[in-house]
Protein backbone atom coordinates (compact mmCIF):
# COMPACT_ATOMS: atom_id res chain seq x y z
CA MET A 1 75.85 73.39 110.39
CA THR A 2 73.84 71.73 107.11
CA LEU A 3 75.70 68.81 105.87
CA ARG A 4 75.15 66.91 102.68
CA LEU A 5 73.72 63.21 103.32
CA ALA A 6 76.00 60.19 102.23
CA ARG A 7 73.65 57.46 101.90
CA THR A 8 76.60 54.98 101.95
CA ASP A 9 80.38 54.81 102.46
CA ALA A 10 80.71 53.68 98.66
CA GLU A 11 78.72 57.04 97.90
CA ALA A 12 81.06 59.17 100.23
CA ASP A 13 84.20 57.36 98.91
CA LEU A 14 83.28 58.29 95.36
CA TYR A 15 82.27 61.90 96.07
CA ILE A 16 85.47 62.35 97.94
CA SER A 17 87.67 60.84 94.95
CA LEU A 18 86.05 63.31 92.50
CA GLN A 19 86.98 66.29 94.66
CA PRO A 20 90.09 68.38 93.64
CA CYS A 21 92.85 68.36 96.02
CA GLU A 22 93.03 71.90 97.72
CA VAL A 23 96.74 72.07 97.22
CA CYS A 24 97.30 70.50 93.54
CA HIS A 25 94.13 70.59 92.36
CA ARG A 26 94.10 67.21 91.15
CA THR A 27 91.31 64.64 91.95
CA GLY A 28 91.78 61.05 93.35
CA LEU A 29 91.63 61.89 96.83
CA GLU A 30 91.81 58.52 98.96
CA PRO A 31 89.54 58.38 101.75
CA LYS A 32 90.02 56.86 105.04
CA ARG A 33 87.68 56.26 107.94
CA PHE A 34 87.98 58.82 110.45
CA SER A 35 85.47 59.06 113.14
CA GLY A 36 81.84 59.37 113.94
CA GLY A 37 79.39 61.40 116.01
CA THR A 38 76.56 63.63 116.23
CA VAL A 39 75.99 66.98 115.23
CA ASP A 40 72.79 68.87 116.39
CA GLY A 41 71.39 65.45 117.37
CA GLN A 42 72.18 63.96 113.71
CA PRO A 43 74.56 61.20 113.00
CA VAL A 44 77.65 62.23 111.09
CA ARG A 45 80.92 60.50 109.77
CA TRP A 46 84.05 62.55 109.51
CA ILE A 47 86.31 61.24 106.77
CA GLU A 48 89.85 62.19 106.32
CA SER A 49 91.25 62.02 102.94
CA ASN A 50 94.91 62.16 101.32
CA CYS A 51 95.93 63.45 98.06
CA PRO A 52 98.08 60.56 96.16
CA HIS A 53 99.79 63.28 94.26
CA CYS A 54 100.99 65.61 96.91
CA GLY A 55 100.09 64.38 100.22
CA ALA A 56 97.96 66.97 101.08
CA THR A 57 95.21 65.91 103.87
CA ARG A 58 91.62 66.82 103.89
CA GLU A 59 88.64 66.28 106.20
CA PHE A 60 85.02 65.68 104.75
CA ALA A 61 81.75 65.50 107.20
CA PHE A 62 78.52 64.02 106.05
CA ARG A 63 75.30 63.22 107.66
CA VAL A 64 74.57 59.62 107.78
CA PRO A 65 70.89 57.96 107.28
CA ALA A 66 69.33 57.50 110.79
CA THR A 67 68.32 53.81 109.18
CA PRO A 68 71.21 52.18 107.25
CA VAL A 69 70.60 51.77 103.48
CA ASP A 70 69.70 48.11 102.24
CA PRO A 71 73.21 46.54 101.80
CA GLY A 72 72.08 45.73 98.08
CA GLN A 73 72.04 49.35 97.38
CA ARG A 74 75.67 50.40 96.40
CA PHE A 75 75.04 54.06 96.56
CA GLY A 76 71.82 54.72 98.27
CA GLY A 77 67.81 54.13 98.65
CA ALA A 78 65.08 55.26 96.54
CA GLU A 79 65.91 59.15 97.04
CA PRO A 80 68.34 61.11 94.90
CA SER A 81 71.78 61.68 95.90
CA GLU A 82 72.92 64.81 97.72
CA LEU A 83 76.56 64.51 97.00
CA LEU A 84 76.51 64.09 93.16
CA ASP A 85 74.33 65.64 90.68
CA PRO A 86 72.82 63.51 87.81
CA GLY A 87 75.39 64.63 85.42
CA GLU A 88 78.26 63.74 87.69
CA TRP A 89 76.55 60.13 88.14
CA LEU A 90 76.42 60.10 84.12
CA LEU A 91 80.13 61.10 83.82
CA VAL A 92 81.07 58.41 86.46
CA ALA A 93 79.18 55.73 84.33
CA ASP A 94 80.90 56.97 80.99
CA ALA A 95 84.36 56.71 82.58
CA LEU A 96 83.77 53.14 83.96
CA LEU A 97 82.31 52.13 80.54
CA GLU A 98 85.10 54.13 78.44
CA ASP A 99 87.53 50.88 78.32
CA VAL A 100 85.19 47.92 78.32
CA PRO A 101 85.69 46.12 75.00
CA ASP A 102 82.18 45.23 72.93
CA THR A 103 83.27 41.68 72.71
CA PRO A 104 85.30 40.43 75.93
CA ASP A 105 85.88 36.93 74.40
CA SER A 106 89.87 37.02 74.63
CA LEU A 107 89.85 38.44 78.35
CA THR A 108 91.58 36.62 81.20
CA GLY A 109 89.57 35.63 84.23
CA ASP A 110 90.76 38.52 86.46
CA ARG A 111 90.29 41.09 83.65
CA ARG A 112 86.74 39.59 83.28
CA ARG A 113 86.22 40.26 86.96
CA GLU A 114 87.52 43.78 86.80
CA LEU A 115 85.41 44.76 84.01
CA ARG A 116 82.38 42.74 85.47
CA ASP A 117 82.81 45.06 88.67
CA GLN A 118 83.11 48.38 86.56
CA VAL A 119 80.17 47.65 84.54
CA GLU A 120 78.22 46.93 87.61
CA VAL A 121 79.11 50.05 89.34
CA ALA A 122 78.46 51.84 85.93
CA ALA A 123 74.98 50.43 85.89
CA ASP A 124 74.44 51.71 89.69
CA ALA A 125 75.49 55.04 88.46
CA VAL A 126 72.98 55.09 85.82
CA ARG A 127 70.11 54.13 88.18
CA GLU A 128 71.46 56.95 90.49
CA VAL A 129 70.49 59.55 87.39
CA LEU A 130 67.14 57.82 87.14
CA LYS A 131 66.15 58.89 90.96
CA PHE A 132 66.46 62.67 89.79
CA ILE A 133 63.50 62.00 87.37
CA PRO A 134 60.23 62.86 88.98
CA ALA A 135 57.64 60.35 89.04
CA GLY A 136 55.51 60.82 85.74
CA ALA A 137 58.25 62.94 84.14
CA ASP A 138 60.30 61.77 81.21
CA ALA A 139 63.64 63.43 81.96
CA VAL A 140 65.79 64.91 84.81
CA PRO A 141 64.54 68.37 85.39
CA PRO A 142 67.37 71.17 84.54
CA LEU A 143 67.21 72.57 88.04
CA SER A 144 68.80 69.06 89.18
CA PHE A 145 72.25 69.76 88.19
CA TRP A 146 74.04 72.08 90.60
CA SER A 147 78.04 70.98 89.71
CA ARG A 148 79.82 72.68 86.79
CA ALA A 149 80.43 69.50 85.11
CA GLY A 150 76.75 68.24 85.37
CA HIS A 151 75.51 71.33 84.35
CA GLN A 152 77.73 71.42 81.18
CA LEU A 153 76.66 68.07 80.25
CA HIS A 154 73.08 68.63 80.36
CA LEU A 155 73.61 71.65 78.57
CA THR A 156 75.51 69.94 75.43
CA ALA A 157 73.69 66.58 75.58
CA ALA A 158 70.12 66.85 77.38
CA TRP A 159 69.03 63.88 75.50
CA ARG A 160 71.15 61.67 77.53
CA PHE A 161 68.93 62.44 80.57
CA GLU A 162 65.71 61.41 79.33
CA ARG A 163 64.13 58.15 80.94
CA ASP A 164 64.26 56.21 77.66
CA TRP A 165 68.07 56.91 76.70
CA LEU A 166 68.92 56.21 80.39
CA GLU A 167 66.98 52.84 80.48
CA SER A 168 68.66 51.94 77.06
CA ARG A 169 71.96 52.46 79.00
CA LEU A 170 71.10 50.13 81.46
CA ASP A 171 70.24 47.62 78.95
CA ASP A 172 73.51 48.14 77.27
CA CYS A 173 75.14 47.40 80.73
CA ARG A 174 73.06 44.15 80.95
CA GLU A 175 74.19 43.18 77.58
CA LEU A 176 77.91 44.01 78.56
CA LEU A 177 77.58 41.89 81.59
CA ALA A 178 76.03 39.06 79.93
CA ALA A 179 78.86 39.26 77.29
CA ILE A 180 81.32 39.21 80.23
CA GLY A 181 79.98 36.37 82.01
């Protein structure tokens, strides 16, 4: 059995939330920790999820790193994700940044904290895209995309996967975080 590596719980949870329910085909599955163990001598985590729309239950199994990822890394270490392709990561960042106002001056404390968390996760998602760019290259290679959504985004906006554009997007996130305070 070949299982994909979930570098962190946050990465596994995000992956699960993006998967369509096998019954109603809507996304937003809610992960619950299920159990751990080994398969063929490798540490494995099984996660049960429930669909908030129809209640269907689904189980996922992931390899876990033999050495835990640095706690400062939300989604993983230096290696690219095996769960989400670079297009999916960029779509996650886009969704998180979609409702962030350019000028957050009038926001309440609670809303500021929510937006700060959103922008931090979006920045981490952009960093995940950058991990797919090989050393010395200027862009994510086309063969790095395996999901339909990621492949489509690359076909329609390949420029968004260039190192310079991604670094600029990270700068935008830093500026938003500074404005949010």
